[in-house]
Structure formats: C-alpha cells, structure tokens
C-alpha cells in the first residue's frame, strides 16, 4: 500500500532523489513502517506499491541483523538524532524470505533523520540507504591480501600465528609441523630466483594436496611452511609428516633419462612440536626440530625436546 505525501514532504524527497542518484530514500511512520520509498527500492526485491501490508524497515535487513537495525531506528523515532551511518546486510532478492545465496547479500548504510508535524510531535523519519557493498568488498580484499602470501596463495605467518593463539586460548595441545625444502639457498644461487619461486609454489601446492581435512597450511617465510594438525597424536603427526617427506622426495626425483648432474635433487624436511606455552615457543620448538632434521642430512622429520611430544 502506498500512502501519499504532503507537498512539503514530496518536495523534500524529490530534492533528495536529485542529489543522491543511486541511493534509496524511505519515509517511515512513527512505528518504523515504510509508507513511501523511491522506486529504486525494487533493486532489493521489494515492491512497496503492490504491498497489501506496510513492510517494516527491519524487513529489509538480513535476519541476523534485524534486531540491530531495529534498535537504531527506534532510537531515531524516539527523537534522538543519529550520529553516523548504520551498516547492515540486505537480501537483495525477490525470494528474500527464503534466499540464502551469498551473491544476493549486499551491504547498505542507513542514515535517519526524525521528522515532526507542524505541532512539533514526532512523526516518523526520513531515511537514506546507500550501498556500501563495494567498500565492504574492498575491505575484504585488503584483509585477504594482508593475511595471504602473494606467491603461493596460502595463509601467511601473521594468519598462522593468529590461528595458533586461538588454539592456545582454548587450551592448546595440538601438533604443529614446520616444513622446508632442503638446500633452497644453494638452489637459488645455482638456478636463480624464478626457479626457486617455482619450487616454493610447487611445494605449497603439494602440501595442500597432502593436507587432511581440518589441517591449516601456511607459508611462514620464503622457504618454510607451517601445518597445524588438530586432533592428531604426536605419533600420528609424525607418521603423516614422514609420509609427506617421502612422497615429495619420490615425486621430485629426476626422471631416469634426465641428466642427474644438472637436475636439482629436491627433498624436504620437517620439525614437529606441540602447541603449548606461547606462539613463539611453539614455533621455536618446531623450527628447532627442522634444524635437527636438516642436520641429519635432510629428508627427515625430527622433534626438538622429544620428552614434551610423547
């Protein structure tokens, strides 16, 4: 149902529409029901002109954010001036009551101003809805870049450490492995940065393939990779890590017909530790294990402070 506006309100809305192309202008009554909206509200899958019952402003918000939006609107309708914009997701779909597709969810910001009648009595509010989907997408992209290694696409050290902190906050006890391709420095000096990058990228994809459901794989620095192994005993973690090292050595071995003198001999090693004490302590223990594995000639799995990993 569409209710007409006074000449003054119509003039105000017309002016707002001219100045805010693409924004949605909404008029609310004293209870927060939509009594008028600009035509572009149809982009959200809502047709106020054909509605038998007036929709409430909170009907626009995704279910989990309806209460938050209701609080913001109630504050303005009670006479308080809103400071800033209230941001919330909208299900922009004709099947908004049942649709849960991610591509149908868009973020909007809402600005409200209370209105009064000639006697000064509160008489609803005027709202301006503005899409902030692009901004949200950019923020998400920036966040992903901040926690992702650009070469391998894996989580970086910052993200891995944050995950370790969350596990420590819940008591810790999980196993963690630190892997590295043996002899990367020599390979870099002999074959150059491009080849070294290709090896690192290939080993990252190999680790992702070997990881089991629930494992978290990350690149800690230029040549070291961390894998969080939840719900694995120390023995199970060691067996899995040894399988990774053995499988990689077999896959990376030069073909029989290749010139073995020129082909790089690629192997990997790993150190294991239990998630406990602090993030720095956990990673130090795993990296000490990696040092021991490499000191033994590489292509090994070792545990520093073995008494703790029993």
Protein backbone atom coordinates (compact mmCIF):
# COMPACT_ATOMS: atom_id res chain seq x y z
CA UNK A 1 0.00 0.00 0.00
CA UNK A 2 1.40 3.38 -0.99
CA UNK A 3 0.41 6.39 1.04
CA UNK A 4 0.68 9.85 -0.45
CA UNK A 5 2.95 12.57 0.93
CA UNK A 6 2.28 16.20 1.65
CA UNK A 7 3.57 18.75 -0.84
CA UNK A 8 6.41 19.68 1.50
CA UNK A 9 7.46 16.06 2.03
CA UNK A 10 7.19 15.38 -1.69
CA UNK A 11 9.39 18.36 -2.46
CA UNK A 12 11.97 17.21 0.10
CA UNK A 13 12.01 13.69 -1.33
CA UNK A 14 12.25 14.98 -4.89
CA UNK A 15 15.24 17.11 -3.94
CA UNK A 16 16.93 14.25 -2.14
CA UNK A 17 16.46 11.96 -5.12
CA UNK A 18 18.02 14.52 -7.45
CA UNK A 19 21.07 14.83 -5.18
CA UNK A 20 21.51 11.17 -4.31
CA UNK A 21 21.33 9.23 -7.56
CA UNK A 22 21.51 5.52 -6.78
CA UNK A 23 20.55 5.95 -3.12
CA UNK A 24 17.20 4.80 -1.76
CA UNK A 25 15.02 7.34 0.05
CA UNK A 26 12.47 5.98 2.52
CA UNK A 27 9.75 7.60 4.63
CA UNK A 28 8.87 5.83 7.89
CA UNK A 29 5.86 6.28 10.11
CA UNK A 30 6.09 6.52 13.91
CA UNK A 31 6.40 2.74 14.30
CA UNK A 32 9.07 2.28 11.65
CA UNK A 33 6.82 1.02 8.85
CA UNK A 34 7.67 2.11 5.30
CA UNK A 35 4.95 4.41 3.98
CA UNK A 36 6.88 5.62 0.94
CA UNK A 37 10.10 4.70 -0.84
CA UNK A 38 11.86 5.79 -4.00
CA UNK A 39 11.32 3.50 -6.99
CA UNK A 40 14.82 2.04 -6.84
CA UNK A 41 13.94 0.10 -3.70
CA UNK A 42 12.82 -2.52 -6.23
CA UNK A 43 16.53 -3.37 -6.58
CA UNK A 44 16.21 -5.05 -3.18
CA UNK A 45 13.33 -7.22 -4.36
CA UNK A 46 10.74 -5.14 -2.53
CA UNK A 47 7.71 -3.57 -4.25
CA UNK A 48 6.04 -1.20 -1.79
CA UNK A 49 3.43 -0.08 -4.32
CA UNK A 50 1.96 -3.59 -4.51
CA UNK A 51 2.20 -4.43 -0.80
CA UNK A 52 -1.10 -5.02 0.99
CA UNK A 53 0.58 -4.57 4.36
CA UNK A 54 3.18 -1.93 5.06
CA UNK A 55 6.64 -3.52 5.37
CA UNK A 56 8.73 -2.59 8.39
CA UNK A 57 12.20 -1.13 7.88
CA UNK A 58 13.71 -4.13 9.69
CA UNK A 59 12.24 -6.39 6.99
CA UNK A 60 14.99 -5.12 4.71
CA UNK A 61 17.82 -6.41 6.91
CA UNK A 62 19.22 -9.91 6.80
CA UNK A 63 17.69 -11.92 9.65
CA UNK A 64 20.69 -11.82 11.99
CA UNK A 65 20.94 -8.02 11.70
CA UNK A 66 17.24 -7.13 12.03
CA UNK A 67 17.44 -6.54 15.79
CA UNK A 68 20.44 -4.22 15.39
CA UNK A 69 18.65 -2.18 12.72
CA UNK A 70 15.51 -2.06 14.87
CA UNK A 71 17.48 -0.55 17.76
CA UNK A 72 18.95 2.13 15.51
CA UNK A 73 15.57 3.06 14.04
CA UNK A 74 13.77 3.05 17.41
CA UNK A 75 16.35 5.47 18.82
CA UNK A 76 15.70 7.95 15.99
CA UNK A 77 11.92 7.56 16.14
CA UNK A 78 12.05 8.39 19.85
CA UNK A 79 13.59 11.74 18.99
CA UNK A 80 17.31 11.10 19.23
CA UNK A 81 19.47 12.28 16.33
CA UNK A 82 21.51 9.52 14.74
CA UNK A 83 25.25 10.02 14.54
CA UNK A 84 26.93 8.27 11.65
CA UNK A 85 25.54 5.51 9.46
CA UNK A 86 24.19 2.12 10.48
CA UNK A 87 25.54 -0.64 8.22
CA UNK A 88 23.72 -3.92 7.69
CA UNK A 89 23.37 -6.64 5.02
CA UNK A 90 20.26 -6.87 2.83
CA UNK A 91 18.96 -9.92 0.98
CA UNK A 92 18.53 -8.30 -2.44
CA UNK A 93 16.27 -10.93 -3.94
CA UNK A 94 12.58 -11.38 -4.70
CA UNK A 95 12.70 -14.55 -2.58
CA UNK A 96 14.22 -12.64 0.31
CA UNK A 97 12.38 -14.70 2.96
CA UNK A 98 13.99 -17.96 1.88
CA UNK A 99 17.05 -17.00 -0.20
CA UNK A 100 20.42 -17.53 1.47
CA UNK A 101 22.66 -17.24 -1.59
CA UNK A 102 25.84 -15.28 -0.88
CA UNK A 103 25.62 -13.30 -4.13
CA UNK A 104 22.19 -11.97 -3.09
CA UNK A 105 23.55 -10.39 0.08
CA UNK A 106 24.55 -6.75 -0.24
CA UNK A 107 25.67 -4.29 2.41
CA UNK A 108 23.94 -0.94 2.84
CA UNK A 109 24.40 2.02 5.15
CA UNK A 110 21.35 3.78 6.59
CA UNK A 111 21.10 7.39 7.72
CA UNK A 112 17.93 8.52 9.51
CA UNK A 113 16.55 11.89 10.50
CA UNK A 114 13.47 12.27 12.74
CA UNK A 115 10.51 14.25 11.40
CA UNK A 116 7.85 16.20 13.26
CA UNK A 117 4.42 17.52 12.35
CA UNK A 118 3.58 21.26 12.47
CA UNK A 119 2.88 20.99 16.21
CA UNK A 120 6.34 19.52 16.89
CA UNK A 121 5.10 15.99 17.58
CA UNK A 122 7.41 13.19 16.33
CA UNK A 123 6.05 11.97 13.01
CA UNK A 124 8.36 9.23 11.78
CA UNK A 125 11.64 9.63 9.99
CA UNK A 126 13.29 10.11 6.62
CA UNK A 127 15.92 7.52 5.70
CA UNK A 128 18.66 7.43 3.14
CA UNK A 129 20.03 4.00 2.19
CA UNK A 130 23.36 3.91 0.40
CA UNK A 131 25.14 0.85 -0.98
CA UNK A 132 28.49 0.15 0.70
CA UNK A 133 28.97 -3.23 -1.00
CA UNK A 134 31.98 -2.06 -2.99
CA UNK A 135 33.61 -0.68 0.14
CA UNK A 136 32.94 -3.93 2.00
CA UNK A 137 34.37 -5.91 -0.89
CA UNK A 138 37.50 -3.75 -0.94
CA UNK A 139 37.90 -4.13 2.81
CA UNK A 140 37.59 -7.89 2.44
CA UNK A 141 40.12 -7.90 -0.39
CA UNK A 142 42.58 -5.82 1.63
CA UNK A 143 42.17 -8.15 4.59
CA UNK A 144 42.78 -11.18 2.39
CA UNK A 145 45.91 -9.60 0.98
CA UNK A 146 47.15 -8.81 4.48
CA UNK A 147 46.88 -12.45 5.60
CA UNK A 148 47.80 -14.22 2.33
CA UNK A 149 51.18 -14.93 0.80
CA UNK A 150 51.19 -13.45 -2.72
CA UNK A 151 53.32 -16.21 -4.30
CA UNK A 152 51.59 -19.34 -3.02
CA UNK A 153 48.15 -18.05 -2.07
CA UNK A 154 48.49 -19.72 1.34
CA UNK A 155 47.84 -18.01 4.66
CA UNK A 156 50.92 -16.10 5.80
CA UNK A 157 52.78 -16.14 9.12
CA UNK A 158 50.52 -13.47 10.61
CA UNK A 159 47.38 -15.52 9.92
CA UNK A 160 49.02 -18.75 11.11
CA UNK A 161 50.13 -17.17 14.38
CA UNK A 162 46.61 -15.80 14.92
CA UNK A 163 45.26 -19.33 14.50
CA UNK A 164 47.81 -20.67 16.99
CA UNK A 165 46.76 -18.01 19.51
CA UNK A 166 43.12 -19.08 19.17
CA UNK A 167 44.07 -22.70 19.82
CA UNK A 168 46.21 -21.71 22.80
CA UNK A 169 43.30 -19.72 24.22
CA UNK A 170 41.26 -22.95 24.16
CA UNK A 171 43.99 -24.92 25.89
CA UNK A 172 46.30 -25.91 23.04
CA UNK A 173 47.69 -29.43 22.81
CA UNK A 174 47.51 -29.77 19.01
CA UNK A 175 50.53 -30.75 16.93
CA UNK A 176 52.20 -28.39 14.50
CA UNK A 177 54.73 -29.12 11.77
CA UNK A 178 57.23 -26.81 10.07
CA UNK A 179 58.39 -27.97 6.61
CA UNK A 180 61.10 -26.67 4.31
CA UNK A 181 62.63 -27.73 1.01
CA UNK A 182 66.22 -28.76 1.68
CA UNK A 183 69.04 -26.79 0.08
CA UNK A 184 66.91 -23.86 -1.09
CA UNK A 185 69.79 -21.42 -0.72
CA UNK A 186 72.03 -23.49 -3.00
CA UNK A 187 69.18 -23.97 -5.47
CA UNK A 188 68.59 -20.19 -5.56
CA UNK A 189 72.26 -19.44 -6.22
CA UNK A 190 72.52 -22.07 -8.93
CA UNK A 191 69.23 -21.68 -10.80
CA UNK A 192 68.01 -18.18 -9.91
CA UNK A 193 65.01 -16.64 -8.22
CA UNK A 194 62.45 -17.70 -10.83
CA UNK A 195 63.26 -21.38 -10.42
CA UNK A 196 63.31 -21.01 -6.64
CA UNK A 197 59.86 -19.41 -6.74
CA UNK A 198 58.57 -22.25 -8.92
CA UNK A 199 59.87 -24.81 -6.42
CA UNK A 200 58.29 -22.97 -3.49
CA UNK A 201 54.98 -22.67 -5.34
CA UNK A 202 55.04 -26.33 -6.30
CA UNK A 203 55.83 -27.45 -2.74
CA UNK A 204 52.99 -25.27 -1.42
CA UNK A 205 50.51 -26.95 -3.77
CA UNK A 206 51.92 -30.35 -2.84
CA UNK A 207 51.40 -29.61 0.88
CA UNK A 208 47.83 -28.52 0.21
CA UNK A 209 47.23 -31.82 -1.56
CA UNK A 210 48.74 -33.87 1.27
CA UNK A 211 46.89 -31.96 3.99
CA UNK A 212 43.95 -33.76 5.55
CA UNK A 213 40.56 -32.15 6.26
CA UNK A 214 40.95 -29.72 9.16
CA UNK A 215 44.67 -29.12 8.60
CA UNK A 216 45.75 -25.48 8.27
CA UNK A 217 48.61 -24.82 5.85
CA UNK A 218 50.55 -21.53 5.80
CA UNK A 219 53.79 -20.09 4.47
CA UNK A 220 55.89 -18.81 7.36
CA UNK A 221 58.60 -17.18 5.26
CA UNK A 222 60.40 -17.61 1.94
CA UNK A 223 61.05 -21.35 2.34
CA UNK A 224 59.32 -22.59 5.49
CA UNK A 225 55.75 -23.79 5.75
CA UNK A 226 53.63 -24.40 8.83
CA UNK A 227 50.88 -27.00 9.11
CA UNK A 228 48.56 -27.14 12.10
CA UNK A 229 47.46 -30.73 12.77
CA UNK A 230 44.39 -30.70 15.04
CA UNK A 231 43.10 -33.96 16.52
CA UNK A 232 46.36 -35.79 15.75
CA UNK A 233 48.53 -37.56 18.30
CA UNK A 234 52.26 -36.94 18.23
CA UNK A 235 52.73 -40.37 16.68
CA UNK A 236 50.06 -39.76 14.04
CA UNK A 237 51.55 -36.34 13.23
CA UNK A 238 54.99 -37.85 12.82
CA UNK A 239 53.72 -40.61 10.54
CA UNK A 240 51.86 -38.08 8.41
CA UNK A 241 54.89 -35.76 8.19
CA UNK A 242 57.17 -38.67 7.24
CA UNK A 243 54.70 -39.64 4.51
CA UNK A 244 54.82 -36.06 3.19
CA UNK A 245 58.62 -36.03 3.14
CA UNK A 246 58.90 -39.46 1.50
CA UNK A 247 56.22 -38.75 -1.11
CA UNK A 248 57.78 -35.40 -2.05
CA UNK A 249 61.22 -36.97 -2.50
CA UNK A 250 59.71 -39.59 -4.81
CA UNK A 251 57.75 -37.08 -6.87
CA UNK A 252 60.66 -34.62 -7.15
CA UNK A 253 63.26 -37.21 -8.11
CA UNK A 254 64.76 -36.61 -11.58
CA UNK A 255 63.49 -38.88 -14.35
CA UNK A 256 65.81 -41.78 -15.26
CA UNK A 257 66.50 -40.20 -18.65
CA UNK A 258 67.37 -36.81 -17.16
CA UNK A 259 70.90 -35.55 -16.71
CA UNK A 260 71.23 -36.18 -12.99
CA UNK A 261 74.29 -33.98 -12.77
CA UNK A 262 72.24 -30.96 -13.79
CA UNK A 263 68.80 -31.82 -12.39
CA UNK A 264 68.17 -30.46 -8.87
CA UNK A 265 67.83 -33.10 -6.14
CA UNK A 266 64.76 -31.87 -4.25
CA UNK A 267 63.93 -33.16 -0.80
CA UNK A 268 62.12 -31.74 2.21
CA UNK A 269 62.46 -31.95 5.98
CA UNK A 270 60.13 -31.19 8.87
CA UNK A 271 60.15 -30.39 12.56
CA UNK A 272 57.27 -31.16 14.93
CA UNK A 273 56.11 -29.57 18.17
CA UNK A 274 53.05 -29.41 20.38
CA UNK A 275 51.01 -26.19 20.59
CA UNK A 276 51.65 -25.02 24.14
CA UNK A 277 53.02 -22.17 26.23
CA UNK A 278 53.11 -19.37 23.63
CA UNK A 279 53.07 -18.97 19.86
CA UNK A 280 56.77 -18.07 19.79
CA UNK A 281 57.68 -21.07 21.95
CA UNK A 282 55.64 -23.43 19.78
CA UNK A 283 57.17 -22.23 16.51
CA UNK A 284 60.67 -22.17 18.01
CA UNK A 285 60.35 -25.81 19.08
CA UNK A 286 59.06 -26.85 15.64
CA UNK A 287 61.82 -24.93 13.88
CA UNK A 288 64.44 -26.48 16.18
CA UNK A 289 63.09 -29.83 15.08
CA UNK A 290 63.55 -28.75 11.47
CA UNK A 291 67.17 -27.79 12.22
CA UNK A 292 67.79 -31.24 13.69
CA UNK A 293 66.22 -32.91 10.66
CA UNK A 294 68.40 -30.96 8.27
CA UNK A 295 71.49 -31.55 10.39
CA UNK A 296 70.88 -35.26 9.94
CA UNK A 297 71.17 -34.90 6.19
CA UNK A 298 67.66 -33.77 5.27
CA UNK A 299 64.65 -35.74 4.11
CA UNK A 300 63.82 -36.40 7.76
CA UNK A 301 61.28 -35.48 10.45
CA UNK A 302 62.55 -34.54 13.90
CA UNK A 303 61.13 -33.35 17.20
CA UNK A 304 63.08 -30.97 19.44
CA UNK A 305 62.51 -31.61 23.13
CA UNK A 306 61.15 -35.09 22.39
CA UNK A 307 60.08 -35.56 26.02
CA UNK A 308 57.34 -32.96 25.52
CA UNK A 309 55.93 -34.60 22.38
CA UNK A 310 55.40 -38.03 23.88
